[in-house]
Amino acid sequence: AKCVDIALSSCTDVAYTQMVYPNFLDQKSREVIEYSSEYLLISVLHNLLQGECNPDLRLLGCSVLAPQCENDKAIKPCRHVCENLKKSCLPAFDAIDMAWPYFLDCDRFFAGEEEGCFDPLAKLRGEVDAEEDLPSDLPATFIQFKHHSYSQMVSTLKKTASKCSHIATTYSIGRSFEGKDLFVIEFSTKPGHHELLKPEFKYVGNMHGNEVVGKELLIYLAQYLCSEYLLGNPRIQTLINNTRIHLLPSLNPDGYELAAEEGAGYNGWVIGRQTAQNLDLNRNFPDLTSEAYRRAGIRGARLDHIPIPQSYWWGKVAPETKAVMKWLRSIPFVLSASLHGGELVVTYPYDYSRHPMEEKMFSPTPDEKVM
């Protein structure tokens, strides 16, 4: 066996550059692999499972079909990675009445850490960018104003939560289409817990991947809330003591990275705006405006719990959109805002028209006078 460059189109983004033939399924050439049912399956799993557990499953499959090679020897992927992924993804397979793929048998094709295995999903956690060393005599409340890559954003949020661990925590509401965690930092007197009668608030940034001002503002806001609380700022302490605050700096990290690769000043306004699935998240949530107007004419009909029309699910719903929906179901937010960039505009309910086909029809909300 000899190490060769990876030439399989579905496996070019793995964390290593060379594989070996034959692979763990005893497939002896690129052609044999590409025409195999196993390779076809990992190529279509993201569609079968509607984005769930991907690209994790594809990368896991690649670690078997295109095993990492070092010194002309195949390295087995780690068993614990396979077992953890199987545990979290089996519900998605059950939902479509599909069995766990035989070639992802955690006992047969994977190895323990003591045997020298590798983590095929390590790349999904994001390589940590090198950060410049700051002077050691800086105060704990120092905020460095600079642009943050995805991994730097995650690192900064985690460091901020660690610095203010008594009032802050981080968590993920789900994953992007390309597998990046949608990271939230929360501030409250009991991080991680809803308290009765304490209002829940959220800010969301970077819904459009190339609109990054909101993303950076929320990263700075997180650091500011932590620093000012430690410094004893009475206004910030009152806010955090009486409100549970959630900040999601980047809802579209995949689009952001695409825009960042192009670079400011070189990309058009559409590059990175949408997700990796080519979906505009700002148009991916259900339109309940016309349904709300219809219900408004029905005596006793509720406008605060409108069911999503069944037809909505006939279209393509992004995993980022589903993540926000689950987030809204789990936490009773009373006030929210999404920060965009590029224009001075505020949209408030309702964002659509009383009639879906009449965009410019005056469609006031019940609290029009207040707005």
Protein backbone atom coordinates (compact mmCIF):
# COMPACT_ATOMS: atom_id res chain seq x y z
CA ALA A 1 0.00 0.00 0.00
CA LYS A 2 1.09 3.57 -0.69
CA CYS A 3 -0.26 6.94 0.36
CA VAL A 4 -1.92 8.82 -2.53
CA ASP A 5 -3.67 12.19 -2.83
CA ILE A 6 -7.43 12.14 -2.20
CA ALA A 7 -9.29 12.44 -5.51
CA LEU A 8 -12.84 11.67 -4.34
CA SER A 9 -15.04 14.74 -4.86
CA SER A 10 -17.18 14.08 -1.78
CA CYS A 11 -14.13 13.78 0.46
CA THR A 12 -11.88 16.67 -0.61
CA ASP A 13 -12.63 18.71 2.54
CA VAL A 14 -11.43 16.12 5.08
CA ALA A 15 -8.78 17.21 7.58
CA TYR A 16 -6.00 15.22 5.84
CA THR A 17 -4.62 15.17 2.30
CA GLN A 18 -3.67 11.52 1.61
CA MET A 19 -5.53 8.21 1.64
CA VAL A 20 -4.60 4.61 0.91
CA TYR A 21 -5.87 1.78 -1.33
CA PRO A 22 -7.38 -0.62 -0.59
CA ASN A 23 -9.67 1.10 1.89
CA PHE A 24 -11.35 -0.54 4.89
CA LEU A 25 -14.01 -2.03 2.58
CA ASP A 26 -11.25 -3.60 0.46
CA GLN A 27 -12.06 -1.30 -2.47
CA LYS A 28 -8.86 -1.11 -4.49
CA SER A 29 -9.25 1.96 -6.74
CA ARG A 30 -10.87 5.35 -7.04
CA GLU A 31 -13.21 4.06 -9.77
CA VAL A 32 -14.44 1.17 -7.62
CA ILE A 33 -15.16 3.53 -4.71
CA GLU A 34 -16.95 6.13 -6.85
CA TYR A 35 -19.29 3.50 -8.35
CA SER A 36 -20.02 1.87 -4.98
CA SER A 37 -23.35 2.12 -3.17
CA GLU A 38 -21.51 3.26 -0.02
CA TYR A 39 -20.01 6.29 -1.79
CA LEU A 40 -23.34 7.14 -3.40
CA LEU A 41 -25.01 7.02 0.01
CA ILE A 42 -22.62 9.49 1.68
CA SER A 43 -23.12 11.79 -1.31
CA VAL A 44 -26.90 11.98 -0.82
CA LEU A 45 -27.25 11.66 2.98
CA HIS A 46 -27.64 15.43 3.42
CA ASN A 47 -30.75 15.32 1.20
CA LEU A 48 -32.15 12.13 2.71
CA LEU A 49 -31.84 13.48 6.24
CA GLN A 50 -32.75 17.07 5.29
CA GLY A 51 -29.43 18.44 6.51
CA GLU A 52 -29.50 16.64 9.87
CA CYS A 53 -26.13 15.31 11.09
CA ASN A 54 -24.25 16.60 8.10
CA PRO A 55 -21.50 17.06 7.10
CA ASP A 56 -20.60 14.91 10.12
CA LEU A 57 -21.90 11.69 8.54
CA ARG A 58 -20.21 12.40 5.21
CA LEU A 59 -16.84 13.01 6.88
CA LEU A 60 -17.31 9.88 8.99
CA GLY A 61 -18.03 7.89 5.84
CA CYS A 62 -14.97 9.37 4.13
CA SER A 63 -12.78 8.19 7.01
CA VAL A 64 -13.75 4.61 6.05
CA LEU A 65 -13.90 4.96 2.26
CA ALA A 66 -10.85 7.25 2.02
CA PRO A 67 -8.88 6.38 5.19
CA GLN A 68 -6.15 8.71 6.41
CA CYS A 69 -2.70 7.52 5.37
CA GLU A 70 0.63 8.09 7.11
CA ASN A 71 3.87 6.35 6.15
CA ASP A 72 1.95 4.14 3.71
CA LYS A 73 -0.30 2.89 6.48
CA ALA A 74 -4.04 3.45 6.99
CA ILE A 75 -5.08 5.11 10.26
CA LYS A 76 -8.45 4.07 11.68
CA PRO A 77 -10.97 6.73 12.81
CA CYS A 78 -11.85 6.88 16.52
CA ARG A 79 -14.61 4.62 17.80
CA HIS A 80 -15.92 7.11 20.36
CA VAL A 81 -16.55 9.67 17.58
CA CYS A 82 -18.61 7.09 15.67
CA GLU A 83 -20.56 6.05 18.77
CA ASN A 84 -21.37 9.63 19.78
CA LEU A 85 -22.52 10.52 16.28
CA LYS A 86 -24.62 7.36 15.98
CA LYS A 87 -26.34 8.13 19.27
CA SER A 88 -27.31 11.65 18.16
CA CYS A 89 -28.20 10.76 14.55
CA LEU A 90 -30.23 7.57 14.92
CA PRO A 91 -33.50 9.55 15.40
CA ALA A 92 -32.94 11.13 11.97
CA PHE A 93 -32.53 7.67 10.41
CA ASP A 94 -35.57 6.35 12.29
CA ALA A 95 -37.63 9.24 10.94
CA ILE A 96 -37.13 7.98 7.38
CA ASP A 97 -37.22 4.27 8.35
CA MET A 98 -33.57 3.76 7.42
CA ALA A 99 -31.04 1.56 9.18
CA TRP A 100 -27.65 2.81 10.34
CA PRO A 101 -25.21 2.15 7.41
CA TYR A 102 -23.24 -1.07 7.79
CA PHE A 103 -19.96 0.56 6.72
CA LEU A 104 -20.24 2.91 9.71
CA ASP A 105 -20.16 -0.04 12.13
CA CYS A 106 -18.40 1.53 15.11
CA ASP A 107 -16.90 -1.78 16.29
CA ARG A 108 -15.76 -3.10 12.94
CA PHE A 109 -14.16 -0.14 11.14
CA PHE A 110 -13.15 2.13 14.03
CA ALA A 111 -10.50 1.94 16.74
CA GLY A 112 -9.93 3.01 20.33
CA GLU A 113 -7.72 5.96 21.21
CA GLU A 114 -5.13 3.61 22.70
CA GLU A 115 -4.68 2.15 19.20
CA GLY A 116 -3.71 5.49 17.70
CA CYS A 117 -6.95 6.57 15.99
CA PHE A 118 -7.81 10.01 14.58
CA ASP A 119 -10.91 12.21 14.92
CA PRO A 120 -12.47 12.63 11.45
CA LEU A 121 -14.73 15.44 12.74
CA ALA A 122 -11.98 17.56 14.31
CA LYS A 123 -12.12 20.01 11.42
CA LEU A 124 -15.76 20.83 12.17
CA ARG A 125 -14.77 22.36 15.48
CA GLY A 126 -12.77 24.93 13.53
CA GLU A 127 -9.02 25.36 13.53
CA VAL A 128 -8.09 27.90 16.19
CA ASP A 129 -6.53 30.89 14.49
CA ALA A 130 -3.30 32.14 15.97
CA GLU A 131 -4.00 35.06 18.26
CA GLU A 132 -1.51 37.77 19.04
CA ASP A 133 -0.17 37.77 22.57
CA LEU A 134 -1.47 40.69 24.58
CA PRO A 135 0.54 42.35 27.37
CA SER A 136 0.11 40.46 30.64
CA ASP A 137 -0.51 43.64 32.64
CA LEU A 138 -3.80 44.43 30.89
CA PRO A 139 -6.88 44.55 33.15
CA ALA A 140 -9.33 41.65 33.04
CA THR A 141 -11.93 44.04 31.64
CA PHE A 142 -9.85 44.96 28.57
CA ILE A 143 -11.70 44.67 25.22
CA GLN A 144 -9.68 44.29 22.02
CA PHE A 145 -11.51 45.76 19.03
CA LYS A 146 -10.69 43.65 15.98
CA HIS A 147 -12.46 41.57 13.35
CA HIS A 148 -13.17 37.97 14.37
CA SER A 149 -13.09 34.88 12.18
CA TYR A 150 -15.55 32.09 13.08
CA SER A 151 -13.07 30.24 15.30
CA GLN A 152 -11.90 33.50 16.92
CA MET A 153 -15.54 34.38 17.63
CA VAL A 154 -16.12 31.03 19.34
CA SER A 155 -12.89 31.40 21.32
CA THR A 156 -13.77 34.96 22.41
CA LEU A 157 -17.27 33.97 23.52
CA LYS A 158 -15.92 31.03 25.53
CA LYS A 159 -13.22 33.19 27.16
CA THR A 160 -15.79 35.86 28.01
CA ALA A 161 -18.12 33.30 29.59
CA SER A 162 -15.21 31.84 31.55
CA LYS A 163 -14.20 35.29 32.82
CA CYS A 164 -17.76 35.90 34.04
CA SER A 165 -18.73 32.31 34.81
CA HIS A 166 -21.04 33.38 37.66
CA ILE A 167 -23.28 35.32 35.23
CA ALA A 168 -22.51 33.87 31.78
CA THR A 169 -22.45 30.61 29.82
CA THR A 170 -22.21 29.54 26.17
CA TYR A 171 -24.31 26.99 24.33
CA SER A 172 -25.18 25.97 20.77
CA ILE A 173 -28.72 26.07 19.38
CA GLY A 174 -27.78 23.72 16.52
CA ARG A 175 -25.48 23.43 13.55
CA SER A 176 -25.18 25.15 10.19
CA PHE A 177 -25.49 23.15 6.96
CA GLU A 178 -21.70 22.74 6.90
CA GLY A 179 -21.60 21.68 10.54
CA LYS A 180 -20.56 24.84 12.38
CA ASP A 181 -22.08 25.37 15.82
CA LEU A 182 -24.52 28.29 16.12
CA PHE A 183 -22.99 29.67 19.32
CA VAL A 184 -24.90 31.74 21.86
CA ILE A 185 -23.56 33.49 24.93
CA GLU A 186 -26.07 34.05 27.74
CA PHE A 187 -26.00 36.50 30.65
CA SER A 188 -28.16 36.09 33.76
CA THR A 189 -27.87 35.53 37.49
CA LYS A 190 -28.62 31.84 36.91
CA PRO A 191 -26.96 30.99 33.59
CA GLY A 192 -28.66 28.10 31.79
CA HIS A 193 -31.95 28.38 33.68
CA HIS A 194 -35.21 30.18 32.95
CA GLU A 195 -36.51 32.02 35.99
CA LEU A 196 -40.22 32.64 36.42
CA LEU A 197 -41.20 36.26 35.60
CA LYS A 198 -37.67 37.15 34.46
CA PRO A 199 -37.96 38.35 30.84
CA GLU A 200 -35.96 36.58 28.13
CA PHE A 201 -34.26 38.73 25.48
CA LYS A 202 -32.25 37.84 22.38
CA TYR A 203 -30.16 39.56 19.72
CA VAL A 204 -29.27 37.72 16.48
CA GLY A 205 -26.55 38.88 14.09
CA ASN A 206 -25.12 37.84 10.71
CA MET A 207 -28.34 36.32 9.29
CA HIS A 208 -26.89 37.38 5.96
CA GLY A 209 -23.34 36.02 5.98
CA ASN A 210 -21.80 39.08 4.31
CA GLU A 211 -23.41 41.55 6.74
CA VAL A 212 -20.86 41.37 9.53
CA VAL A 213 -21.35 44.60 11.49
CA GLY A 214 -24.05 43.02 13.67
CA LYS A 215 -21.84 39.98 14.31
CA GLU A 216 -18.95 42.12 15.55
CA LEU A 217 -21.24 44.38 17.60
CA LEU A 218 -22.65 41.38 19.47
CA ILE A 219 -19.17 39.99 20.17
CA TYR A 220 -18.18 43.39 21.58
CA LEU A 221 -21.48 43.65 23.49
CA ALA A 222 -20.80 40.29 25.15
CA GLN A 223 -17.37 41.47 26.28
CA TYR A 224 -18.80 44.81 27.38
CA LEU A 225 -21.55 43.22 29.50
CA CYS A 226 -19.00 41.01 31.24
CA SER A 227 -16.45 43.78 31.79
CA GLU A 228 -18.92 46.39 33.00
CA TYR A 229 -20.57 43.92 35.38
CA LEU A 230 -17.17 43.18 36.92
CA LEU A 231 -16.44 46.90 37.16
CA GLY A 232 -19.69 47.46 39.06
CA ASN A 233 -21.56 49.46 36.40
CA PRO A 234 -25.01 49.79 38.07
CA ARG A 235 -26.93 49.96 34.77
CA ILE A 236 -25.34 46.77 33.41
CA GLN A 237 -25.74 44.98 36.73
CA THR A 238 -29.43 45.93 36.83
CA LEU A 239 -29.90 44.62 33.26
CA ILE A 240 -28.26 41.27 33.96
CA ASN A 241 -29.80 40.87 37.42
CA ASN A 242 -33.31 41.40 36.06
CA THR A 243 -33.14 40.00 32.51
CA ARG A 244 -31.87 36.84 30.85
CA ILE A 245 -29.92 38.01 27.79
CA HIS A 246 -28.99 35.77 24.85
CA LEU A 247 -26.61 36.88 22.08
CA LEU A 248 -26.22 34.86 18.84
CA PRO A 249 -23.53 36.76 16.89
CA SER A 250 -23.62 34.58 13.75
CA LEU A 251 -26.67 32.74 12.45
CA ASN A 252 -25.02 32.15 9.06
CA PRO A 253 -21.36 31.21 9.68
CA ASP A 254 -21.15 29.31 6.37
CA GLY A 255 -22.12 32.37 4.35
CA TYR A 256 -19.78 34.52 6.44
CA GLU A 257 -16.79 32.31 5.65
CA LEU A 258 -17.60 32.39 1.93
CA ALA A 259 -17.73 36.21 2.02
CA ALA A 260 -14.55 36.36 4.10
CA GLU A 261 -12.68 34.24 1.54
CA GLU A 262 -13.59 36.74 -1.18
CA GLY A 263 -12.54 39.66 0.98
CA ALA A 264 -14.08 43.08 1.54
CA GLY A 265 -14.14 45.23 -1.57
CA TYR A 266 -13.86 42.27 -3.93
CA ASN A 267 -17.14 40.42 -3.55
CA GLY A 268 -20.54 41.44 -4.80
CA TRP A 269 -23.38 42.11 -2.41
CA VAL A 270 -24.73 38.57 -2.91
CA ILE A 271 -21.53 36.62 -2.14
CA GLY A 272 -22.04 34.95 1.24
CA ARG A 273 -25.43 36.54 1.75
CA GLN A 274 -27.13 33.15 1.60
CA THR A 275 -26.34 29.87 3.34
CA ALA A 276 -24.30 26.98 1.97
CA GLN A 277 -27.64 25.63 0.64
CA ASN A 278 -28.14 28.88 -1.29
CA LEU A 279 -31.04 29.87 0.98
CA ASP A 280 -31.76 33.41 2.18
CA LEU A 281 -32.53 32.92 5.88
CA ASN A 282 -34.43 36.20 5.89
CA ARG A 283 -36.93 34.60 3.48
CA ASN A 284 -36.81 31.07 4.89
CA PHE A 285 -39.15 31.47 7.87
CA PRO A 286 -42.91 30.99 7.37
CA ASP A 287 -45.05 33.97 6.37
CA LEU A 288 -47.82 34.13 8.97
CA THR A 289 -49.01 37.65 8.07
CA SER A 290 -51.93 36.74 5.82
CA GLU A 291 -52.91 33.96 8.27
CA ALA A 292 -52.88 36.47 11.14
CA TYR A 293 -55.21 38.80 9.23
CA ARG A 294 -57.53 35.89 8.43
CA ARG A 295 -57.67 34.91 12.10
CA ALA A 296 -58.21 38.51 13.21
CA GLY A 297 -61.72 38.30 11.74
CA ILE A 298 -62.61 35.23 13.78
CA ARG A 299 -64.06 35.87 17.23
CA GLY A 300 -61.85 34.44 19.97
CA ALA A 301 -59.06 33.36 17.61
CA ARG A 302 -55.57 33.64 19.11
CA LEU A 303 -52.87 35.61 17.33
CA ASP A 304 -50.04 34.69 19.69
CA HIS A 305 -49.93 30.98 18.77
CA ILE A 306 -50.44 30.65 15.01
CA PRO A 307 -49.70 27.19 13.63
CA ILE A 308 -47.24 26.99 10.76
CA PRO A 309 -49.08 26.20 7.47
CA GLN A 310 -48.42 22.65 6.30
CA SER A 311 -47.46 23.98 2.86
CA TYR A 312 -44.43 25.68 4.41
CA TRP A 313 -42.74 22.32 4.97
CA TRP A 314 -43.08 21.45 1.30
CA GLY A 315 -40.22 23.85 0.58
CA LYS A 316 -36.59 23.62 1.67
CA VAL A 317 -36.13 24.59 5.32
CA ALA A 318 -32.55 25.34 6.33
CA PRO A 319 -31.04 23.65 9.42
CA GLU A 320 -30.24 27.17 10.66
CA THR A 321 -33.95 28.04 10.41
CA LYS A 322 -34.97 24.85 12.21
CA ALA A 323 -32.43 25.62 14.95
CA VAL A 324 -34.01 29.02 15.61
CA MET A 325 -37.50 27.46 15.64
CA LYS A 326 -36.42 24.93 18.29
CA TRP A 327 -34.78 27.78 20.22
CA LEU A 328 -38.03 29.77 20.20
CA ARG A 329 -39.97 26.73 21.44
CA SER A 330 -37.55 26.13 24.32
CA ILE A 331 -37.26 29.70 25.63
CA PRO A 332 -40.20 32.16 25.98
CA PHE A 333 -38.54 35.27 24.52
CA VAL A 334 -40.49 38.48 25.07
CA LEU A 335 -38.29 40.78 22.99
CA SER A 336 -35.90 40.09 20.12
CA ALA A 337 -34.03 41.83 17.32
CA SER A 338 -31.97 40.75 14.31
CA LEU A 339 -29.09 43.01 13.33
CA HIS A 340 -28.49 43.41 9.60
CA GLY A 341 -26.07 45.72 7.81
CA GLY A 342 -26.00 47.95 4.76
CA GLU A 343 -29.13 50.10 5.05
CA LEU A 344 -30.89 52.21 7.64
CA VAL A 345 -34.19 50.38 7.97
CA VAL A 346 -36.32 48.86 10.72
CA THR A 347 -38.91 46.19 9.90
CA TYR A 348 -41.48 45.24 12.49
CA PRO A 349 -44.39 42.79 12.43
CA TYR A 350 -45.80 42.38 9.94
CA ASP A 351 -42.99 42.13 7.42
CA TYR A 352 -45.33 40.92 4.68
CA SER A 353 -48.63 42.18 3.31
CA ARG A 354 -52.24 41.51 4.25
CA HIS A 355 -52.47 39.76 0.86
CA PRO A 356 -49.39 37.77 -0.25
CA MET A 357 -49.76 38.98 -3.85
CA GLU A 358 -50.13 42.67 -2.96
CA GLU A 359 -46.73 43.71 -1.60
CA LYS A 360 -47.49 47.44 -1.29
CA MET A 361 -50.88 47.11 0.38
CA PHE A 362 -51.04 49.03 3.67
CA SER A 363 -51.05 46.29 6.31
CA PRO A 364 -50.97 47.79 9.82
CA THR A 365 -50.32 45.66 12.88
CA PRO A 366 -52.78 45.71 15.78
CA ASP A 367 -50.39 48.05 17.60
CA GLU A 368 -49.86 50.37 14.61
CA LYS A 369 -50.28 53.51 16.70
CA VAL A 370 -47.62 52.38 19.16
CA MET A 371 -45.22 51.55 16.32
